[in-house]
Protein backbone atom coordinates (compact mmCIF):
# COMPACT_ATOMS: atom_id res chain seq x y z
CA MET A 1 -8.18 -21.23 97.74
CA ARG A 2 -4.73 -21.98 96.45
CA LEU A 3 -5.96 -21.70 92.86
CA ILE A 4 -7.47 -18.29 93.60
CA LEU A 5 -4.20 -17.08 95.11
CA MET A 6 -2.25 -18.32 92.10
CA ARG A 7 -4.59 -16.47 89.73
CA LEU A 8 -4.29 -13.29 91.77
CA LEU A 9 -0.50 -13.54 91.73
CA VAL A 10 -0.59 -13.72 87.94
CA MET A 11 -3.39 -11.21 87.31
CA VAL A 12 -2.28 -8.37 89.61
CA PRO A 13 1.17 -7.86 88.02
CA ALA A 14 -0.35 -8.18 84.54
CA SER A 15 -2.96 -5.55 85.41
CA LEU A 16 -0.30 -3.20 86.71
CA VAL A 17 1.74 -3.54 83.53
CA LEU A 18 -1.28 -2.83 81.36
CA ALA A 19 -2.30 0.15 83.49
CA CYS A 20 1.17 1.69 83.16
CA GLY A 21 0.85 2.10 79.39
CA LYS A 22 1.13 5.46 77.70
CA LYS A 23 -1.51 7.97 78.64
CA GLU A 24 -3.19 9.53 75.63
CA THR A 25 -2.01 13.09 75.13
CA SER A 26 -4.45 15.98 75.27
CA LEU A 27 -5.21 18.67 72.71
CA GLU A 28 -3.64 21.26 75.01
CA ASP A 29 -0.43 19.22 75.27
CA VAL A 30 -0.19 18.84 71.49
CA LYS A 31 -0.77 22.58 70.98
CA SER A 32 1.86 23.34 73.62
CA ASP A 33 4.37 21.05 71.91
CA LEU A 34 3.66 22.67 68.54
CA ILE A 35 4.15 26.15 70.00
CA LYS A 36 7.47 25.04 71.48
CA SER A 37 8.51 23.63 68.10
CA ILE A 38 7.50 26.87 66.37
CA SER A 39 9.64 28.74 68.88
CA LEU A 40 12.63 26.47 68.21
CA ALA A 41 12.24 26.94 64.46
CA SER A 42 11.94 30.72 64.89
CA GLU A 43 15.07 30.80 67.03
CA ALA A 44 16.99 28.72 64.49
CA GLU A 45 15.82 30.91 61.60
CA THR A 46 16.75 34.12 63.42
CA PHE A 47 20.14 32.76 64.45
CA VAL A 48 21.01 31.55 60.94
CA ARG A 49 20.18 35.05 59.67
CA TYR A 50 22.36 36.50 62.45
CA ILE A 51 25.26 34.25 61.37
CA SER A 52 24.83 35.05 57.69
CA GLN A 53 24.98 38.78 58.46
CA GLY A 54 28.38 38.24 60.07
CA HIS A 55 27.26 39.10 63.60
CA SER A 56 28.57 35.96 65.29
CA THR A 57 31.97 34.46 65.94
CA TYR A 58 32.56 30.94 64.70
CA ASP A 59 32.89 29.55 68.23
CA PHE A 60 29.72 31.22 69.52
CA ALA A 61 27.71 30.12 66.47
CA SER A 62 28.98 26.58 66.77
CA GLY A 63 28.20 26.39 70.48
CA HIS A 64 24.75 27.92 70.19
CA LEU A 65 23.80 25.68 67.26
CA ASN A 66 24.95 22.65 69.26
CA SER A 67 22.74 23.68 72.21
CA LEU A 68 19.80 24.33 69.89
CA LEU A 69 20.28 20.96 68.20
CA LYS A 70 20.24 19.18 71.58
CA GLU A 71 16.96 20.90 72.48
CA VAL A 72 15.41 20.01 69.11
CA ASN A 73 16.48 16.38 69.48
CA ARG A 74 15.13 16.24 73.04
CA SER A 75 11.79 17.63 71.89
CA THR A 76 11.69 15.16 68.99
CA GLN A 77 12.26 12.28 71.41
CA GLU A 78 9.50 13.49 73.75
CA ILE A 79 7.05 13.84 70.87
CA SER A 80 7.97 10.39 69.55
CA GLU A 81 6.90 8.91 72.87
CA LEU A 82 3.43 10.49 72.81
CA SER A 83 0.31 8.43 72.37
CA ALA A 84 -2.23 10.50 70.45
CA SER A 85 -5.83 9.94 69.46
CA PRO A 86 -6.50 9.61 65.73
CA TYR A 87 -7.73 13.22 65.74
CA LEU A 88 -4.37 14.46 67.06
CA ALA A 89 -2.08 11.92 65.38
CA ASN A 90 -1.53 13.99 62.22
CA ALA A 91 -0.48 17.06 64.20
CA VAL A 92 1.83 15.02 66.43
CA ASN A 93 3.37 13.33 63.39
CA ALA A 94 3.80 16.67 61.59
CA ASP A 95 5.54 18.07 64.67
CA ARG A 96 7.91 15.10 64.89
CA VAL A 97 8.75 15.18 61.16
CA GLN A 98 9.30 18.95 61.08
CA LEU A 99 11.56 18.80 64.13
CA SER A 100 13.62 16.09 62.42
CA LEU A 101 13.93 18.33 59.36
CA LEU A 102 14.89 21.24 61.62
CA ALA A 103 17.62 19.14 63.23
CA ALA A 104 19.00 18.31 59.77
CA GLN A 105 19.10 22.01 58.86
CA ILE A 106 20.85 22.92 62.10
CA GLU A 107 23.45 20.21 61.47
CA ASN A 108 23.91 21.48 57.90
CA VAL A 109 24.46 25.04 59.12
CA SER A 110 26.91 23.80 61.77
CA ARG A 111 29.00 22.09 59.09
CA ASN A 112 28.89 25.11 56.75
CA LEU A 113 29.06 28.15 59.02
CA GLN A 114 31.07 30.18 56.53
CA ASP A 115 29.18 29.30 53.35
CA PRO A 116 26.68 32.08 52.54
CA ASN A 117 24.80 29.93 50.02
CA VAL A 118 24.20 27.15 52.55
CA LEU A 119 23.18 29.66 55.22
CA ASP A 120 20.68 31.30 52.86
CA GLN A 121 19.21 27.96 51.72
CA SER A 122 18.95 26.71 55.30
CA GLU A 123 17.24 29.89 56.42
CA GLN A 124 14.65 29.40 53.67
CA GLN A 125 14.14 25.74 54.58
CA ILE A 126 13.76 26.59 58.26
CA ASP A 127 11.14 29.21 57.31
CA LYS A 128 9.19 26.46 55.49
CA ILE A 129 9.49 24.19 58.54
CA ARG A 130 8.20 26.95 60.82
CA THR A 131 5.32 27.68 58.43
CA THR A 132 4.33 24.00 58.37
CA LEU A 133 4.34 23.91 62.17
CA VAL A 134 2.18 27.05 62.33
CA GLN A 135 -0.29 25.45 59.90
CA ALA A 136 -0.39 22.25 61.96
CA ASN A 137 -1.13 24.29 65.08
CA SER A 138 -3.82 26.30 63.28
CA SER A 139 -5.54 23.11 62.13
CA LEU A 140 -6.30 22.08 65.72
């Protein structure tokens, strides 16, 4: 009896730990995350264009880019924690990588708010990021 109790005391906590592992993400969740990422890229692209056209003050642009960067980083972290089936792994990885590239572009724009060449190049790069995300979503 004592041996059975000892085994139960060891097995129950181990079973709970194993059961609390990451739940595999669904196709709908991956598509939803990709759509959110597309939206973030679209917002960044539109805002960089807005800045380059001279429609924003330095302080507003800096603050908005900072908020956008925080949201992109939060989304990247959430996606990094997903557990995806092999079928969905490529889309999840593409989403994570493209969001990391988007964050780098937002940081670049933030450091170079008054450089038209950087703004133009970043807008083009963000367009490529958005296009890659759209293709990843379409492939599902």
